[in-house]
PDB file of N, CA and C in Angstrom:
ATOM      1  N   MET A   1      15.366  -0.115 -11.375  1.00  0.00           N
ATOM      2  CA  MET A   1      14.279   0.836 -11.407  1.00  0.00           C
ATOM      3  C   MET A   1      13.916   1.213 -12.837  1.00  0.00           C
ATOM      4  N   HIS A   2      14.945   1.373 -13.649  1.00  0.00           N
ATOM      5  CA  HIS A   2      14.691   1.753 -15.034  1.00  0.00           C
ATOM      6  C   HIS A   2      13.883   0.678 -15.755  1.00  0.00           C
ATOM      7  N   GLU A   3      14.161  -0.592 -15.441  1.00  0.00           N
ATOM      8  CA  GLU A   3      13.446  -1.674 -16.097  1.00  0.00           C
ATOM      9  C   GLU A   3      11.957  -1.637 -15.751  1.00  0.00           C
ATOM     10  N   LEU A   4      11.654  -1.409 -14.478  1.00  0.00           N
ATOM     11  CA  LEU A   4      10.249  -1.333 -14.070  1.00  0.00           C
ATOM     12  C   LEU A   4       9.559  -0.156 -14.738  1.00  0.00           C
ATOM     13  N   LYS A   5      10.254   0.959 -14.820  1.00  0.00           N
ATOM     14  CA  LYS A   5       9.681   2.137 -15.468  1.00  0.00           C
ATOM     15  C   LYS A   5       9.381   1.851 -16.941  1.00  0.00           C
ATOM     16  N   THR A   6      10.249   1.078 -17.579  1.00  0.00           N
ATOM     17  CA  THR A   6      10.074   0.738 -18.990  1.00  0.00           C
ATOM     18  C   THR A   6       8.881  -0.186 -19.204  1.00  0.00           C
ATOM     19  N   ILE A   7       8.719  -1.186 -18.337  1.00  0.00           N
ATOM     20  CA  ILE A   7       7.650  -2.164 -18.535  1.00  0.00           C
ATOM     21  C   ILE A   7       6.349  -1.816 -17.815  1.00  0.00           C
ATOM     22  N   TYR A   8       6.349  -0.756 -17.024  1.00  0.00           N
ATOM     23  CA  TYR A   8       5.169  -0.373 -16.242  1.00  0.00           C
ATOM     24  C   TYR A   8       3.886  -0.317 -17.083  1.00  0.00           C
ATOM     25  N   PRO A   9       3.876   0.364 -18.240  1.00  0.00           N
ATOM     26  CA  PRO A   9       2.623   0.416 -19.018  1.00  0.00           C
ATOM     27  C   PRO A   9       2.152  -0.968 -19.474  1.00  0.00           C
ATOM     28  N   TYR A  10       3.103  -1.858 -19.766  1.00  0.00           N
ATOM     29  CA  TYR A  10       2.739  -3.202 -20.210  1.00  0.00           C
ATOM     30  C   TYR A  10       2.200  -4.039 -19.056  1.00  0.00           C
ATOM     31  N   VAL A  11       2.749  -3.841 -17.877  1.00  0.00           N
ATOM     32  CA  VAL A  11       2.248  -4.534 -16.693  1.00  0.00           C
ATOM     33  C   VAL A  11       0.817  -4.081 -16.412  1.00  0.00           C
ATOM     34  N   ILE A  12       0.580  -2.791 -16.493  1.00  0.00           N
ATOM     35  CA  ILE A  12      -0.765  -2.242 -16.259  1.00  0.00           C
ATOM     36  C   ILE A  12      -1.754  -2.816 -17.276  1.00  0.00           C
ATOM     37  N   LYS A  13      -1.386  -2.826 -18.554  1.00  0.00           N
ATOM     38  CA  LYS A  13      -2.272  -3.365 -19.590  1.00  0.00           C
ATOM     39  C   LYS A  13      -2.546  -4.843 -19.371  1.00  0.00           C
ATOM     40  N   SER A  14      -1.544  -5.584 -18.969  1.00  0.00           N
ATOM     41  CA  SER A  14      -1.719  -7.018 -18.717  1.00  0.00           C
ATOM     42  C   SER A  14      -2.675  -7.253 -17.550  1.00  0.00           C
ATOM     43  N   LEU A  15      -2.481  -6.493 -16.477  1.00  0.00           N
ATOM     44  CA  LEU A  15      -3.365  -6.641 -15.319  1.00  0.00           C
ATOM     45  C   LEU A  15      -4.793  -6.229 -15.656  1.00  0.00           C
ATOM     46  N   GLU A  16      -4.946  -5.207 -16.476  1.00  0.00           N
ATOM     47  CA  GLU A  16      -6.289  -4.799 -16.915  1.00  0.00           C
ATOM     48  C   GLU A  16      -6.943  -5.912 -17.721  1.00  0.00           C
ATOM     49  N   ALA A  17      -6.162  -6.570 -18.561  1.00  0.00           N
ATOM     50  CA  ALA A  17      -6.693  -7.661 -19.377  1.00  0.00           C
ATOM     51  C   ALA A  17      -7.123  -8.847 -18.515  1.00  0.00           C
ATOM     52  N   ILE A  18      -6.417  -9.095 -17.437  1.00  0.00           N
ATOM     53  CA  ILE A  18      -6.750 -10.210 -16.552  1.00  0.00           C
ATOM     54  C   ILE A  18      -7.912  -9.857 -15.628  1.00  0.00           C
ATOM     55  N   SER A  19      -8.176  -8.588 -15.446  1.00  0.00           N
ATOM     56  CA  SER A  19      -9.229  -8.134 -14.529  1.00  0.00           C
ATOM     57  C   SER A  19     -10.631  -8.209 -15.117  1.00  0.00           C
ATOM     58  N   VAL A  20     -10.788  -8.827 -16.253  1.00  0.00           N
ATOM     59  CA  VAL A  20     -12.110  -8.952 -16.885  1.00  0.00           C
ATOM     60  C   VAL A  20     -12.693 -10.338 -16.590  1.00  0.00           C
ATOM     61  N   PRO A  21     -14.000 -10.496 -16.730  1.00  0.00           N
ATOM     62  CA  PRO A  21     -14.663 -11.754 -16.361  1.00  0.00           C
ATOM     63  C   PRO A  21     -14.237 -13.014 -17.135  1.00  0.00           C
ATOM     64  N   ASN A  22     -13.385 -12.930 -18.114  1.00  0.00           N
ATOM     65  CA  ASN A  22     -12.963 -14.110 -18.869  1.00  0.00           C
ATOM     66  C   ASN A  22     -12.025 -15.012 -18.072  1.00  0.00           C
ATOM     67  N   TRP A  23     -11.526 -14.546 -16.945  1.00  0.00           N
ATOM     68  CA  TRP A  23     -10.562 -15.284 -16.138  1.00  0.00           C
ATOM     69  C   TRP A  23     -11.253 -15.872 -14.913  1.00  0.00           C
ATOM     70  N   ASP A  24     -10.531 -16.757 -14.210  1.00  0.00           N
ATOM     71  CA  ASP A  24     -11.083 -17.333 -12.981  1.00  0.00           C
ATOM     72  C   ASP A  24     -11.109 -16.265 -11.879  1.00  0.00           C
ATOM     73  N   THR A  25     -11.925 -16.505 -10.885  1.00  0.00           N
ATOM     74  CA  THR A  25     -12.167 -15.518  -9.830  1.00  0.00           C
ATOM     75  C   THR A  25     -10.887 -15.108  -9.108  1.00  0.00           C
ATOM     76  N   LYS A  26     -10.032 -16.067  -8.767  1.00  0.00           N
ATOM     77  CA  LYS A  26      -8.793 -15.739  -8.044  1.00  0.00           C
ATOM     78  C   LYS A  26      -7.891 -14.848  -8.881  1.00  0.00           C
ATOM     79  N   SER A  27      -7.738 -15.157 -10.162  1.00  0.00           N
ATOM     80  CA  SER A  27      -6.894 -14.343 -11.046  1.00  0.00           C
ATOM     81  C   SER A  27      -7.434 -12.925 -11.170  1.00  0.00           C
ATOM     82  N   ILE A  28      -8.745 -12.816 -11.308  1.00  0.00           N
ATOM     83  CA  ILE A  28      -9.376 -11.495 -11.427  1.00  0.00           C
ATOM     84  C   ILE A  28      -9.154 -10.688 -10.146  1.00  0.00           C
ATOM     85  N   THR A  29      -9.364 -11.331  -9.004  1.00  0.00           N
ATOM     86  CA  THR A  29      -9.195 -10.655  -7.715  1.00  0.00           C
ATOM     87  C   THR A  29      -7.748 -10.217  -7.509  1.00  0.00           C
ATOM     88  N   ASP A  30      -6.810 -11.131  -7.766  1.00  0.00           N
ATOM     89  CA  ASP A  30      -5.391 -10.809  -7.598  1.00  0.00           C
ATOM     90  C   ASP A  30      -4.950  -9.693  -8.542  1.00  0.00           C
ATOM     91  N   ALA A  31      -5.338  -9.797  -9.811  1.00  0.00           N
ATOM     92  CA  ALA A  31      -4.949  -8.786 -10.803  1.00  0.00           C
ATOM     93  C   ALA A  31      -5.555  -7.430 -10.469  1.00  0.00           C
ATOM     94  N   SER A  32      -6.811  -7.429 -10.056  1.00  0.00           N
ATOM     95  CA  SER A  32      -7.477  -6.162  -9.712  1.00  0.00           C
ATOM     96  C   SER A  32      -6.812  -5.490  -8.512  1.00  0.00           C
ATOM     97  N   GLY A  33      -6.466  -6.288  -7.507  1.00  0.00           N
ATOM     98  CA  GLY A  33      -5.798  -5.739  -6.324  1.00  0.00           C
ATOM     99  C   GLY A  33      -4.426  -5.175  -6.653  1.00  0.00           C
ATOM    100  N   LEU A  34      -3.677  -5.927  -7.433  1.00  0.00           N
ATOM    101  CA  LEU A  34      -2.342  -5.465  -7.819  1.00  0.00           C
ATOM    102  C   LEU A  34      -2.427  -4.231  -8.710  1.00  0.00           C
ATOM    103  N   LEU A  35      -3.408  -4.205  -9.592  1.00  0.00           N
ATOM    104  CA  LEU A  35      -3.609  -3.047 -10.463  1.00  0.00           C
ATOM    105  C   LEU A  35      -3.919  -1.798  -9.641  1.00  0.00           C
ATOM    106  N   ARG A  36      -4.818  -1.940  -8.671  1.00  0.00           N
ATOM    107  CA  ARG A  36      -5.146  -0.787  -7.796  1.00  0.00           C
ATOM    108  C   ARG A  36      -3.903  -0.304  -7.061  1.00  0.00           C
ATOM    109  N   TYR A  37      -3.105  -1.252  -6.565  1.00  0.00           N
ATOM    110  CA  TYR A  37      -1.897  -0.887  -5.830  1.00  0.00           C
ATOM    111  C   TYR A  37      -0.891  -0.166  -6.723  1.00  0.00           C
ATOM    112  N   LEU A  38      -0.641  -0.709  -7.917  1.00  0.00           N
ATOM    113  CA  LEU A  38       0.352  -0.114  -8.821  1.00  0.00           C
ATOM    114  C   LEU A  38      -0.075   1.237  -9.368  1.00  0.00           C
ATOM    115  N   GLN A  39      -1.374   1.507  -9.351  1.00  0.00           N
ATOM    116  CA  GLN A  39      -1.861   2.794  -9.833  1.00  0.00           C
ATOM    117  C   GLN A  39      -2.154   3.776  -8.694  1.00  0.00           C
ATOM    118  N   SER A  40      -1.928   3.340  -7.471  1.00  0.00           N
ATOM    119  CA  SER A  40      -2.220   4.217  -6.329  1.00  0.00           C
ATOM    120  C   SER A  40      -1.211   5.364  -6.268  1.00  0.00           C
ATOM    121  N   PRO A  41      -1.667   6.506  -5.783  1.00  0.00           N
ATOM    122  CA  PRO A  41      -0.751   7.648  -5.644  1.00  0.00           C
ATOM    123  C   PRO A  41       0.450   7.328  -4.737  1.00  0.00           C
ATOM    124  N   GLN A  42       0.233   6.508  -3.717  1.00  0.00           N
ATOM    125  CA  GLN A  42       1.319   6.150  -2.806  1.00  0.00           C
ATOM    126  C   GLN A  42       2.413   5.373  -3.533  1.00  0.00           C
ATOM    127  N   PHE A  43       2.023   4.403  -4.365  1.00  0.00           N
ATOM    128  CA  PHE A  43       3.024   3.617  -5.085  1.00  0.00           C
ATOM    129  C   PHE A  43       3.766   4.490  -6.093  1.00  0.00           C
ATOM    130  N   VAL A  44       3.015   5.265  -6.864  1.00  0.00           N
ATOM    131  CA  VAL A  44       3.627   6.098  -7.902  1.00  0.00           C
ATOM    132  C   VAL A  44       4.598   7.101  -7.271  1.00  0.00           C
ATOM    133  N   ALA A  45       4.173   7.748  -6.193  1.00  0.00           N
ATOM    134  CA  ALA A  45       5.047   8.710  -5.515  1.00  0.00           C
ATOM    135  C   ALA A  45       6.286   8.016  -4.962  1.00  0.00           C
ATOM    136  N   SER A  46       6.110   6.872  -4.329  1.00  0.00           N
ATOM    137  CA  SER A  46       7.253   6.126  -3.789  1.00  0.00           C
ATOM    138  C   SER A  46       8.213   5.720  -4.886  1.00  0.00           C
ATOM    139  N   PHE A  47       7.661   5.291  -5.999  1.00  0.00           N
ATOM    140  CA  PHE A  47       8.497   4.866  -7.115  1.00  0.00           C
ATOM    141  C   PHE A  47       9.306   6.028  -7.675  1.00  0.00           C
ATOM    142  N   VAL A  48       8.663   7.148  -7.888  1.00  0.00           N
ATOM    143  CA  VAL A  48       9.345   8.322  -8.450  1.00  0.00           C
ATOM    144  C   VAL A  48      10.432   8.815  -7.495  1.00  0.00           C
ATOM    145  N   ILE A  49      10.103   8.884  -6.216  1.00  0.00           N
ATOM    146  CA  ILE A  49      11.086   9.340  -5.221  1.00  0.00           C
ATOM    147  C   ILE A  49      12.256   8.364  -5.130  1.00  0.00           C
ATOM    148  N   SER A  50      11.956   7.076  -5.096  1.00  0.00           N
ATOM    149  CA  SER A  50      13.022   6.056  -5.022  1.00  0.00           C
ATOM    150  C   SER A  50      13.926   6.126  -6.241  1.00  0.00           C
ATOM    151  N   GLU A  51      13.310   6.257  -7.398  1.00  0.00           N
ATOM    152  CA  GLU A  51      14.107   6.351  -8.627  1.00  0.00           C
ATOM    153  C   GLU A  51      15.032   7.568  -8.577  1.00  0.00           C
ATOM    154  N   HIS A  52      14.501   8.674  -8.127  1.00  0.00           N
ATOM    155  CA  HIS A  52      15.300   9.902  -8.029  1.00  0.00           C
ATOM    156  C   HIS A  52      16.452   9.735  -7.039  1.00  0.00           C
ATOM    157  N   MET A  53      16.156   9.187  -5.873  1.00  0.00           N
ATOM    158  CA  MET A  53      17.179   9.003  -4.844  1.00  0.00           C
ATOM    159  C   MET A  53      18.239   7.998  -5.290  1.00  0.00           C
ATOM    160  N   LEU A  54      17.808   6.920  -5.921  1.00  0.00           N
ATOM    161  CA  LEU A  54      18.762   5.897  -6.350  1.00  0.00           C
ATOM    162  C   LEU A  54      19.637   6.369  -7.509  1.00  0.00           C
ATOM    163  N   SER A  55      19.187   7.365  -8.244  1.00  0.00           N
ATOM    164  CA  SER A  55      20.027   7.885  -9.326  1.00  0.00           C
ATOM    165  C   SER A  55      21.309   8.496  -8.745  1.00  0.00           C
ATOM    166  N   TYR A  56      21.213   9.109  -7.569  1.00  0.00           N
ATOM    167  CA  TYR A  56      22.401   9.642  -6.898  1.00  0.00           C
ATOM    168  C   TYR A  56      23.291   8.507  -6.402  1.00  0.00           C
ATOM    169  N   THR A  57      22.670   7.492  -5.852  1.00  0.00           N
ATOM    170  CA  THR A  57      23.423   6.346  -5.331  1.00  0.00           C
ATOM    171  C   THR A  57      24.179   5.635  -6.446  1.00  0.00           C
ATOM    172  N   LYS A  58      23.558   5.503  -7.594  1.00  0.00           N
ATOM    173  CA  LYS A  58      24.180   4.841  -8.734  1.00  0.00           C
ATOM    174  C   LYS A  58      25.442   5.600  -9.159  1.00  0.00           C
ATOM    175  N   GLN A  59      25.345   6.898  -9.277  1.00  0.00           N
ATOM    176  CA  GLN A  59      26.491   7.710  -9.664  1.00  0.00           C
ATOM    177  C   GLN A  59      27.596   7.617  -8.622  1.00  0.00           C
ATOM    178  N   LEU A  60      27.232   7.647  -7.371  1.00  0.00           N
ATOM    179  CA  LEU A  60      28.208   7.536  -6.293  1.00  0.00           C
ATOM    180  C   LEU A  60      28.880   6.159  -6.314  1.00  0.00           C
ATOM    181  N   SER A  61      28.114   5.123  -6.528  1.00  0.00           N
ATOM    182  CA  SER A  61      28.674   3.766  -6.597  1.00  0.00           C
ATOM    183  C   SER A  61      29.667   3.610  -7.743  1.00  0.00           C
ATOM    184  N   LYS A  62      29.351   4.217  -8.863  1.00  0.00           N
ATOM    185  CA  LYS A  62      30.269   4.148 -10.001  1.00  0.00           C
ATOM    186  C   LYS A  62      31.592   4.834  -9.684  1.00  0.00           C
ATOM    187  N   LYS A  63      31.518   5.954  -8.965  1.00  0.00           N
ATOM    188  CA  LYS A  63      32.743   6.694  -8.623  1.00  0.00           C
ATOM    189  C   LYS A  63      33.575   5.963  -7.598  1.00  0.00           C
ATOM    190  N   LEU A  64      32.926   5.216  -6.709  1.00  0.00           N
ATOM    191  CA  LEU A  64      33.655   4.483  -5.698  1.00  0.00           C
ATOM    192  C   LEU A  64      34.267   3.242  -6.325  1.00  0.00           C
TER     193      LEU A  64
END
């Protein structure tokens, strides 16, 4: 989770760069769809909640 959080801004910038008319239609469509999904409130909320919940699991796993 930490890795995704670290690279998230770079993934967004990359998808934005691919979403311009300089690319082929399929790449633009795929990048635009993925960009909308990754920026959606549902994804962001799920990610934040998952990260928070897994932080407890990580600590518990280390103790076990």
